[in-house]
Amino acid sequence: MALASTLISELQRLLGAGEVLTCKEDLIPYSFDGTAALRQMPGAVVFPKTTDQVVSVLRLANQTKTPVVTRGSGTGLSGGSLPSPDCLVLCLVKMDRVLEVDRANLTLLAEAGATTQVIADAAGAAGLFYPPDPGSMKISTIGGNVAENSGGLRGLKYGVTRNYVMGLEVVLASGEVLWTGNKCVKDVAGYSMRDLFIGSEGTLGVITRVLLKLIPLPPAKKTLLATFNRMDQAAQTVSDIIAARIIPCTLEFLDRTTIRCVEDFAHVGLPLDCEALLLMETDGHPAAVAEEAARMAEIARANGARELRVARDEAEAARLATARRSAFSALARVSPTTILEDATVPRSELAGMIRFVEAVAQKYQLRIGTFGHMGDGNLHPTFLTDERNAQEMHRVEEAFKEIFEEAIRRGGTITGEHGIGVSKKRFLPRFAGDAQMRVMRELRRVLDPNGILNPGKLFD
């Protein structure tokens, strides 16, 4: 059922007619996010510019029991911002200001619609550093990063979004505004409500402002790229680097399929007959960086690296990093539909998990390129397929099921950084267990008794 005309009129009164979209042609860009093969038309899209306007919209939606799906740039990869039928999409991209950079307390305050890149640049302009770097950071919003607890290439050393959130302004389903956290490094007063909303995927409240922790900018960085004839050699290199008490800021891998696609796309000069590639970066004090880079090169050679490149300057480092950062773009050129997934296993299980993905690809006659964060066990099996082929998409679904079940069996998780959304919710009960599912459902009912916030996501 379409949204009532009285509701649309009230939204136009609250926000202005230009901030409310209702025409079908205007709604199409908001009918999907970055998740392949999923689409659903919303009833309307609204663009608040202030927290007060978000409050007004949620009060109206709660009174009329209208479903609300919060959205930033729509780069999510689990269907988290996919509209529910005839819902109200609350798009926060116009709440995009960086409000404060506090050098004394090493914090940054931003509205939820500010992009991750803008935040990183604002920190850098102050001589500071915001480490989380999701692959979509040029366009993804910080509110979405917090809602999904996004990761990135630097997660091994610096952690994920959760590790940098010091405070949140959240509007509850009722329209009540809640602020949790502050600039204090230590604060154990009461429950950690801040952590409750991080990774909640828009199901518990609407994040409108984020207070982030910054750190000093590392003075030096060194980038290395190594190729191997066998994935086991790359995995052992990673294990040996960690055992040597070196925690690189980046420790990434590509498999054979991805290497070939990247070389065809970016022409980096990669050997097409190798099975694995490692991108290694270390940062910090110049002396420590030089020592760690030399030690990582030594470890890679000891494990049979067939080629090792060490960047001489920042420009060459950027070229080497292209081999990893262009992986998804390179794979996306191959087939009409590209489905980028993520699963995480303990580092010791990573080589075996990659072999399992290869076996699944053969079993179901699918083409899968795998890349990801070898340093923290997070891999991205990427299916190169065609959503118009119903039979092939069924095989893709069966392959997903086996991969996630194997990740759980190996002591891992069904998502390391993309979230549950709608695409993985059928796998969550097995991973989380009955008690955790019950607690999550009860929390959701308490904070959103009318069930208006992002219905159908995480669980039904």
Protein backbone atom coordinates (compact mmCIF):
# COMPACT_ATOMS: atom_id res chain seq x y z
CA MET A 1 0.00 0.00 0.00
CA ALA A 2 1.41 3.44 -1.01
CA LEU A 3 2.08 6.08 1.63
CA ALA A 4 -0.97 8.17 2.49
CA SER A 5 -1.24 11.59 0.85
CA THR A 6 -1.75 13.15 4.29
CA LEU A 7 1.59 11.70 5.42
CA ILE A 8 3.35 13.07 2.33
CA SER A 9 1.78 16.49 2.87
CA GLU A 10 2.96 16.56 6.48
CA LEU A 11 6.49 15.54 5.46
CA GLN A 12 6.53 18.36 2.90
CA ARG A 13 5.40 20.79 5.58
CA LEU A 14 8.12 19.61 7.98
CA LEU A 15 11.04 19.50 5.51
CA GLY A 16 9.94 21.54 2.50
CA ALA A 17 8.51 20.14 -0.73
CA GLY A 18 11.94 19.97 -2.39
CA GLU A 19 13.24 17.57 0.28
CA VAL A 20 10.54 14.94 -0.28
CA LEU A 21 10.69 12.64 -3.33
CA THR A 22 7.59 10.69 -4.40
CA CYS A 23 7.78 10.32 -8.20
CA LYS A 24 8.71 6.82 -9.34
CA GLU A 25 11.56 8.03 -11.56
CA ASP A 26 13.08 9.93 -8.62
CA LEU A 27 12.75 6.93 -6.30
CA ILE A 28 14.54 4.41 -8.53
CA PRO A 29 18.10 5.35 -7.37
CA TYR A 30 16.99 4.67 -3.78
CA SER A 31 15.46 1.26 -4.54
CA PHE A 32 18.77 -0.58 -4.13
CA ASP A 33 22.14 -0.31 -2.42
CA GLY A 34 25.56 -1.81 -3.23
CA THR A 35 24.26 -5.36 -2.80
CA ALA A 36 23.80 -7.17 -6.11
CA ALA A 37 20.46 -8.58 -7.29
CA LEU A 38 18.31 -6.84 -4.65
CA ARG A 39 15.77 -4.10 -5.40
CA GLN A 40 12.60 -2.76 -3.76
CA MET A 41 10.83 0.53 -4.41
CA PRO A 42 10.26 2.83 -1.40
CA GLY A 43 7.14 4.92 -0.91
CA ALA A 44 9.06 8.19 -0.54
CA VAL A 45 12.53 9.55 0.19
CA VAL A 46 13.16 12.47 2.55
CA PHE A 47 16.32 14.54 3.10
CA PRO A 48 16.52 16.08 6.58
CA LYS A 49 19.20 18.69 7.18
CA THR A 50 19.10 18.85 10.99
CA THR A 51 18.62 16.56 13.95
CA ASP A 52 15.39 18.38 14.74
CA GLN A 53 14.03 17.43 11.34
CA VAL A 54 14.98 13.79 11.92
CA VAL A 55 13.10 13.98 15.22
CA SER A 56 10.00 15.33 13.46
CA VAL A 57 10.10 12.65 10.77
CA LEU A 58 10.48 9.81 13.27
CA ARG A 59 7.71 11.12 15.51
CA LEU A 60 5.39 11.21 12.51
CA ALA A 61 6.48 7.76 11.30
CA ASN A 62 6.06 6.27 14.77
CA GLN A 63 2.57 7.74 15.17
CA THR A 64 1.48 6.38 11.79
CA LYS A 65 3.52 3.15 12.12
CA THR A 66 5.29 3.90 8.85
CA PRO A 67 8.44 1.82 8.25
CA VAL A 68 11.63 3.90 8.03
CA VAL A 69 14.88 2.81 6.37
CA THR A 70 17.85 5.10 7.10
CA ARG A 71 20.31 5.55 4.25
CA GLY A 72 23.58 7.29 3.55
CA SER A 73 25.31 6.81 0.19
CA GLY A 74 23.92 3.30 -0.28
CA THR A 75 27.30 1.54 -0.56
CA GLY A 76 26.38 -1.30 1.83
CA LEU A 77 26.93 -4.88 0.67
CA SER A 78 24.37 -6.84 2.72
CA GLY A 79 21.14 -5.09 1.78
CA GLY A 80 21.14 -3.05 4.99
CA SER A 81 19.68 0.04 3.33
CA LEU A 82 17.43 -1.85 0.93
CA PRO A 83 13.94 -0.32 1.24
CA SER A 84 11.09 -2.35 2.62
CA PRO A 85 7.89 -2.16 0.50
CA ASP A 86 6.45 1.39 0.44
CA CYS A 87 8.68 2.51 3.29
CA LEU A 88 9.99 5.98 4.00
CA VAL A 89 13.70 6.26 3.16
CA LEU A 90 15.41 8.69 5.53
CA CYS A 91 18.47 9.81 3.57
CA LEU A 92 21.05 11.70 5.66
CA VAL A 93 23.47 12.79 2.93
CA LYS A 94 22.59 16.47 3.42
CA MET A 95 23.66 16.28 7.08
CA ASP A 96 27.29 16.25 5.97
CA ARG A 97 29.22 18.77 8.04
CA VAL A 98 32.41 18.22 10.00
CA LEU A 99 31.48 20.25 13.06
CA GLU A 100 34.72 20.24 15.04
CA VAL A 101 38.30 19.02 15.00
CA ASP A 102 39.62 19.17 18.56
CA ARG A 103 43.43 18.94 18.51
CA ALA A 104 43.67 19.15 22.30
CA ASN A 105 41.49 16.08 22.85
CA LEU A 106 42.25 14.31 19.54
CA THR A 107 38.60 14.12 18.51
CA LEU A 108 36.43 15.01 15.55
CA LEU A 109 32.68 15.65 15.60
CA ALA A 110 30.75 15.12 12.36
CA GLU A 111 27.20 14.75 11.14
CA ALA A 112 26.20 11.29 9.98
CA GLY A 113 26.19 12.21 6.28
CA ALA A 114 29.84 13.30 6.14
CA THR A 115 31.84 10.93 3.96
CA THR A 116 34.69 8.89 5.39
CA GLN A 117 37.12 10.56 2.99
CA VAL A 118 36.09 14.05 4.11
CA ILE A 119 36.63 13.00 7.72
CA ALA A 120 40.04 11.51 6.94
CA ASP A 121 41.02 14.69 5.06
CA ALA A 122 39.83 16.94 7.92
CA ALA A 123 41.89 14.92 10.37
CA GLY A 124 44.90 15.00 8.06
CA ALA A 125 44.65 18.77 7.66
CA ALA A 126 45.08 19.03 11.42
CA GLY A 127 48.10 16.72 11.36
CA LEU A 128 46.01 13.85 12.77
CA PHE A 129 44.88 10.46 11.50
CA TYR A 130 41.53 8.65 11.24
CA PRO A 131 42.59 5.06 10.43
CA PRO A 132 39.41 3.15 9.33
CA ASP A 133 39.45 2.97 5.53
CA PRO A 134 36.58 0.94 4.04
CA GLY A 135 36.93 0.34 0.31
CA SER A 136 34.07 2.75 -0.35
CA MET A 137 35.52 5.52 1.83
CA LYS A 138 35.38 8.15 -0.93
CA ILE A 139 31.58 8.02 -0.91
CA SER A 140 30.46 6.02 2.16
CA THR A 141 29.11 8.09 5.06
CA ILE A 142 30.33 7.94 8.64
CA GLY A 143 26.81 7.20 9.90
CA GLY A 144 26.70 4.14 7.66
CA ASN A 145 30.20 3.13 8.77
CA VAL A 146 29.08 3.22 12.39
CA ALA A 147 25.79 1.45 11.69
CA GLU A 148 27.66 -1.39 9.95
CA ASN A 149 30.84 -1.22 12.08
CA SER A 150 32.88 -1.01 8.88
CA GLY A 151 36.44 -2.26 8.61
CA GLY A 152 39.06 -1.65 5.95
CA LEU A 153 42.60 -2.41 4.86
CA ARG A 154 44.18 -1.01 8.03
CA GLY A 155 42.08 -3.09 10.42
CA LEU A 156 44.89 -5.46 11.50
CA LYS A 157 46.89 -2.74 13.24
CA TYR A 158 44.31 -0.05 13.89
CA GLY A 159 41.03 -1.88 14.34
CA VAL A 160 37.59 -1.08 12.91
CA THR A 161 35.11 1.78 13.21
CA ARG A 162 34.00 0.71 16.71
CA ASN A 163 37.50 1.39 18.04
CA TYR A 164 37.23 5.09 17.10
CA VAL A 165 33.70 6.00 18.19
CA MET A 166 33.72 8.00 21.42
CA GLY A 167 30.19 9.36 21.31
CA LEU A 168 26.95 9.24 19.34
CA GLU A 169 23.85 11.34 18.94
CA VAL A 170 20.98 8.94 18.19
CA VAL A 171 17.32 9.65 17.53
CA LEU A 172 15.14 6.82 18.82
CA ALA A 173 12.03 5.56 17.04
CA SER A 174 9.89 7.68 19.37
CA GLY A 175 11.73 10.84 18.31
CA GLU A 176 13.62 11.12 21.59
CA VAL A 177 17.24 12.26 21.21
CA LEU A 178 19.88 10.25 23.06
CA TRP A 179 23.53 11.24 23.45
CA THR A 180 25.92 8.56 24.58
CA GLY A 181 29.66 8.95 25.21
CA ASN A 182 31.97 11.97 25.46
CA LYS A 183 35.55 13.13 24.92
CA CYS A 184 36.84 11.35 28.02
CA VAL A 185 39.31 8.54 27.40
CA LYS A 186 37.91 6.76 30.47
CA ASP A 187 34.18 6.52 31.10
CA VAL A 188 32.51 3.50 32.73
CA ALA A 189 29.35 5.19 34.02
CA GLY A 190 26.48 2.81 33.33
CA TYR A 191 25.94 0.49 30.38
CA SER A 192 27.97 1.11 27.22
CA MET A 193 25.00 2.36 25.20
CA ARG A 194 27.36 3.65 22.54
CA ASP A 195 28.45 0.12 21.68
CA LEU A 196 24.83 -1.00 21.45
CA PHE A 197 24.20 1.26 18.45
CA ILE A 198 27.49 0.53 16.67
CA GLY A 199 26.80 -2.24 14.18
CA SER A 200 23.04 -2.15 14.85
CA GLU A 201 22.34 -1.53 11.13
CA GLY A 202 19.70 1.14 11.69
CA THR A 203 17.39 -1.15 13.66
CA LEU A 204 17.68 0.54 17.09
CA GLY A 205 17.89 4.24 16.27
CA VAL A 206 19.02 6.81 13.70
CA ILE A 207 22.60 8.00 14.18
CA THR A 208 22.81 11.75 13.47
CA ARG A 209 26.19 12.82 14.92
CA VAL A 210 29.41 10.92 15.61
CA LEU A 211 32.28 11.86 17.92
CA LEU A 212 35.44 10.13 16.68
CA LYS A 213 38.81 9.47 18.21
CA LEU A 214 41.84 10.59 16.18
CA ILE A 215 45.47 9.61 16.59
CA PRO A 216 48.78 11.26 15.62
CA LEU A 217 49.65 10.87 11.95
CA PRO A 218 52.42 8.24 11.48
CA PRO A 219 55.55 10.03 10.23
CA ALA A 220 56.68 7.27 7.88
CA LYS A 221 55.31 4.37 5.81
CA LYS A 222 56.79 1.61 3.66
CA THR A 223 54.92 -0.51 1.11
CA LEU A 224 55.93 -3.95 -0.18
CA LEU A 225 54.31 -6.32 -2.67
CA ALA A 226 55.19 -10.02 -2.86
CA THR A 227 53.95 -12.78 -5.18
CA PHE A 228 53.93 -16.52 -4.46
CA ASN A 229 53.47 -19.73 -6.41
CA ARG A 230 51.28 -21.20 -3.65
CA MET A 231 48.67 -19.71 -1.31
CA ASP A 232 50.17 -21.69 1.56
CA GLN A 233 53.42 -19.73 1.17
CA ALA A 234 51.56 -16.43 1.46
CA ALA A 235 49.61 -17.65 4.50
CA GLN A 236 52.80 -18.84 6.20
CA THR A 237 54.41 -15.48 5.49
CA VAL A 238 51.55 -13.77 7.32
CA SER A 239 51.85 -16.15 10.28
CA ASP A 240 55.61 -15.63 10.47
CA ILE A 241 55.27 -11.83 10.32
CA ILE A 242 52.85 -11.84 13.26
CA ALA A 243 55.05 -14.34 15.14
CA ALA A 244 57.96 -11.93 14.65
CA ARG A 245 55.91 -9.38 16.63
CA ILE A 246 55.36 -7.17 13.62
CA ILE A 247 51.84 -5.77 13.21
CA PRO A 248 51.70 -4.16 9.76
CA CYS A 249 49.09 -1.51 9.08
CA THR A 250 48.13 -3.46 5.93
CA LEU A 251 48.49 -7.16 5.15
CA GLU A 252 46.28 -7.96 2.15
CA PHE A 253 46.03 -10.80 -0.34
CA LEU A 254 44.71 -11.60 -3.82
CA ASP A 255 44.15 -15.06 -5.29
CA ARG A 256 44.98 -16.17 -8.85
CA THR A 257 41.63 -15.20 -10.38
CA THR A 258 41.76 -11.73 -8.83
CA ILE A 259 45.39 -11.18 -9.82
CA ARG A 260 44.55 -11.84 -13.46
CA CYS A 261 41.55 -9.52 -13.39
CA VAL A 262 43.56 -6.78 -11.69
CA GLU A 263 46.39 -7.02 -14.19
CA ASP A 264 43.95 -6.85 -17.08
CA PHE A 265 42.33 -3.79 -15.47
CA ALA A 266 45.23 -1.83 -13.95
CA HIS A 267 48.34 -3.13 -15.80
CA VAL A 268 50.45 -3.17 -12.64
CA GLY A 269 52.88 -5.74 -14.06
CA LEU A 270 51.77 -8.73 -11.99
CA PRO A 271 52.79 -12.27 -13.00
CA LEU A 272 49.73 -14.10 -14.30
CA ASP A 273 50.92 -17.58 -13.29
CA CYS A 274 51.28 -16.95 -9.55
CA GLU A 275 48.69 -18.16 -7.05
CA ALA A 276 48.86 -15.45 -4.39
CA LEU A 277 49.86 -11.84 -3.89
CA LEU A 278 50.55 -10.05 -0.61
CA LEU A 279 50.43 -6.29 -0.11
CA MET A 280 52.32 -5.35 3.05
CA GLU A 281 52.57 -1.90 4.61
CA THR A 282 54.20 -0.78 7.81
CA ASP A 283 53.98 2.70 9.34
CA GLY A 284 55.31 4.56 12.37
CA HIS A 285 58.70 5.97 13.36
CA PRO A 286 61.07 6.01 10.35
CA ALA A 287 63.65 3.76 12.02
CA ALA A 288 61.03 1.21 13.08
CA VAL A 289 59.43 1.30 9.63
CA ALA A 290 62.75 0.61 7.90
CA GLU A 291 63.49 -2.27 10.27
CA GLU A 292 60.03 -3.83 9.95
CA ALA A 293 60.00 -3.53 6.16
CA ALA A 294 63.37 -5.25 5.91
CA ARG A 295 62.24 -8.01 8.24
CA MET A 296 58.97 -8.57 6.32
CA ALA A 297 60.91 -8.78 3.05
CA GLU A 298 63.24 -11.33 4.62
CA ILE A 299 60.30 -13.43 5.88
CA ALA A 300 58.58 -13.32 2.48
CA ARG A 301 61.74 -14.49 0.70
CA ALA A 302 62.24 -17.26 3.26
CA ASN A 303 58.75 -18.51 2.41
CA GLY A 304 59.46 -18.66 -1.30
CA ALA A 305 58.31 -15.30 -2.62
CA ARG A 306 59.00 -15.39 -6.33
CA GLU A 307 59.08 -11.60 -6.62
CA LEU A 308 59.31 -8.83 -4.04
CA ARG A 309 58.89 -5.13 -4.76
CA VAL A 310 59.64 -2.40 -2.25
CA ALA A 311 58.25 1.05 -2.99
CA ARG A 312 60.92 3.73 -3.27
CA ASP A 313 58.55 6.65 -2.73
CA GLU A 314 54.90 7.55 -2.15
CA ALA A 315 54.06 7.47 -5.85
CA GLU A 316 55.38 3.94 -6.27
CA ALA A 317 53.63 2.90 -3.05
CA ALA A 318 50.35 4.11 -4.53
CA ARG A 319 51.01 2.06 -7.68
CA LEU A 320 51.69 -1.08 -5.66
CA ALA A 321 48.61 -0.52 -3.52
CA THR A 322 46.55 -0.32 -6.72
CA ALA A 323 46.92 -4.09 -7.02
CA ARG A 324 44.74 -4.51 -3.94
CA ARG A 325 42.58 -1.41 -3.94
CA SER A 326 41.37 -2.04 -7.50
CA ALA A 327 40.42 -5.69 -6.83
CA PHE A 328 36.67 -5.20 -6.68
CA SER A 329 36.59 -2.84 -9.67
CA ALA A 330 38.68 -5.28 -11.69
CA LEU A 331 36.44 -8.24 -10.86
CA ALA A 332 33.28 -6.23 -11.53
CA ARG A 333 34.25 -5.84 -15.20
CA VAL A 334 34.17 -9.58 -15.87
CA SER A 335 30.47 -10.47 -15.51
CA PRO A 336 27.12 -8.63 -15.49
CA THR A 337 26.65 -9.28 -11.76
CA THR A 338 29.35 -9.13 -9.09
CA ILE A 339 28.49 -10.34 -5.60
CA LEU A 340 31.10 -9.35 -3.03
CA GLU A 341 30.81 -11.37 0.19
CA ASP A 342 32.81 -11.53 3.37
CA ALA A 343 33.57 -14.16 5.95
CA THR A 344 36.23 -14.23 8.65
CA VAL A 345 38.20 -17.13 10.11
CA PRO A 346 41.16 -17.33 12.50
CA ARG A 347 44.39 -16.56 10.64
CA SER A 348 45.52 -20.16 11.06
CA GLU A 349 42.46 -21.29 9.05
CA LEU A 350 42.74 -18.80 6.21
CA ALA A 351 44.69 -20.88 3.68
CA GLY A 352 42.37 -23.83 4.23
CA MET A 353 39.33 -21.60 3.91
CA ILE A 354 40.59 -20.23 0.60
CA ARG A 355 41.08 -23.79 -0.65
CA PHE A 356 37.52 -24.56 0.43
CA VAL A 357 36.17 -21.60 -1.55
CA GLU A 358 38.06 -22.85 -4.62
CA ALA A 359 36.53 -26.32 -4.17
CA VAL A 360 33.04 -24.80 -3.82
CA ALA A 361 33.58 -22.85 -7.04
CA GLN A 362 34.45 -26.07 -8.87
CA LYS A 363 31.56 -27.98 -7.30
CA TYR A 364 28.95 -25.46 -8.40
CA GLN A 365 30.68 -24.48 -11.67
CA LEU A 366 31.07 -20.86 -10.62
CA ARG A 367 33.77 -18.28 -11.09
CA ILE A 368 34.93 -16.85 -7.76
CA GLY A 369 37.78 -14.43 -7.15
CA THR A 370 38.94 -14.19 -3.54
CA PHE A 371 40.83 -11.33 -1.95
CA GLY A 372 40.83 -9.65 1.43
CA HIS A 373 42.53 -8.93 4.69
CA MET A 374 44.85 -11.87 5.30
CA GLY A 375 46.29 -10.24 8.39
CA ASP A 376 42.96 -10.44 10.25
CA GLY A 377 41.49 -13.50 8.54
CA ASN A 378 38.79 -11.59 6.65
CA LEU A 379 38.34 -12.86 3.10
CA HIS A 380 36.06 -11.64 0.33
CA PRO A 381 34.92 -14.40 -2.02
CA THR A 382 33.55 -12.49 -5.00
CA PHE A 383 31.11 -14.25 -7.31
CA LEU A 384 31.27 -13.30 -11.00
CA THR A 385 27.81 -14.23 -12.24
CA ASP A 386 24.64 -13.03 -13.97
CA GLU A 387 21.49 -12.37 -11.96
CA ARG A 388 19.39 -12.97 -15.11
CA ASN A 389 20.44 -16.64 -15.03
CA ALA A 390 18.09 -18.13 -12.42
CA GLN A 391 19.77 -21.53 -12.46
CA GLU A 392 23.22 -20.05 -11.89
CA MET A 393 21.93 -17.77 -9.12
CA HIS A 394 20.53 -20.86 -7.36
CA ARG A 395 24.01 -22.40 -7.47
CA VAL A 396 25.42 -19.14 -6.08
CA GLU A 397 23.01 -19.33 -3.13
CA GLU A 398 24.03 -22.93 -2.42
CA ALA A 399 27.70 -21.95 -2.59
CA PHE A 400 27.12 -19.09 -0.14
CA LYS A 401 25.50 -21.48 2.28
CA GLU A 402 28.46 -23.87 2.22
CA ILE A 403 31.01 -21.07 2.59
CA PHE A 404 29.32 -19.52 5.62
CA GLU A 405 28.78 -22.90 7.28
CA GLU A 406 32.45 -23.72 6.75
CA ALA A 407 33.52 -20.38 8.22
CA ILE A 408 31.48 -21.12 11.35
CA ARG A 409 32.89 -24.66 11.53
CA ARG A 410 36.42 -23.24 11.45
CA GLY A 411 35.70 -20.94 14.38
CA GLY A 412 34.95 -17.89 12.25
CA THR A 413 32.03 -15.60 11.56
CA ILE A 414 29.59 -15.00 8.72
CA THR A 415 30.60 -11.36 8.32
CA GLY A 416 33.71 -9.44 9.28
CA GLU A 417 32.71 -5.98 8.09
CA HIS A 418 29.72 -5.94 5.71
CA GLY A 419 26.96 -6.66 8.24
CA ILE A 420 23.94 -8.97 8.20
CA GLY A 421 21.27 -6.81 6.54
CA VAL A 422 18.79 -8.88 4.58
CA SER A 423 21.22 -11.07 2.64
CA LYS A 424 22.67 -12.97 5.63
CA LYS A 425 19.90 -12.97 8.21
CA ARG A 426 19.05 -16.62 7.59
CA PHE A 427 22.57 -17.55 8.74
CA LEU A 428 22.57 -15.43 11.91
CA PRO A 429 20.62 -17.80 14.26
CA ARG A 430 23.11 -20.61 13.73
CA PHE A 431 26.03 -18.32 14.41
CA ALA A 432 24.54 -16.36 17.32
CA GLY A 433 22.62 -19.10 19.15
CA ASP A 434 19.21 -19.02 20.82
CA ALA A 435 20.10 -16.90 23.87
CA GLN A 436 21.81 -14.15 21.89
CA MET A 437 18.98 -14.05 19.34
CA ARG A 438 16.43 -13.71 22.15
CA VAL A 439 18.32 -10.83 23.78
CA MET A 440 18.70 -9.00 20.47
CA ARG A 441 14.99 -9.35 19.71
CA GLU A 442 14.05 -8.06 23.18
CA LEU A 443 16.38 -5.06 22.88
CA ARG A 444 14.87 -4.21 19.55
CA ARG A 445 11.31 -4.42 20.91
CA VAL A 446 12.18 -2.13 23.83
CA LEU A 447 13.79 0.58 21.68
CA ASP A 448 11.37 0.28 18.75
CA PRO A 449 8.07 -1.19 20.03
CA ASN A 450 6.20 -0.41 16.81
CA GLY A 451 8.90 -2.05 14.67
CA ILE A 452 9.30 0.88 12.28
CA LEU A 453 13.12 0.99 12.06
CA ASN A 454 14.65 -0.94 9.16
CA PRO A 455 12.13 -3.80 9.31
CA GLY A 456 13.25 -7.16 7.96
CA LYS A 457 16.95 -6.53 8.55
CA LEU A 458 19.19 -8.64 10.84
CA PHE A 459 16.16 -10.82 11.69
CA ASP A 460 12.40 -10.81 11.12
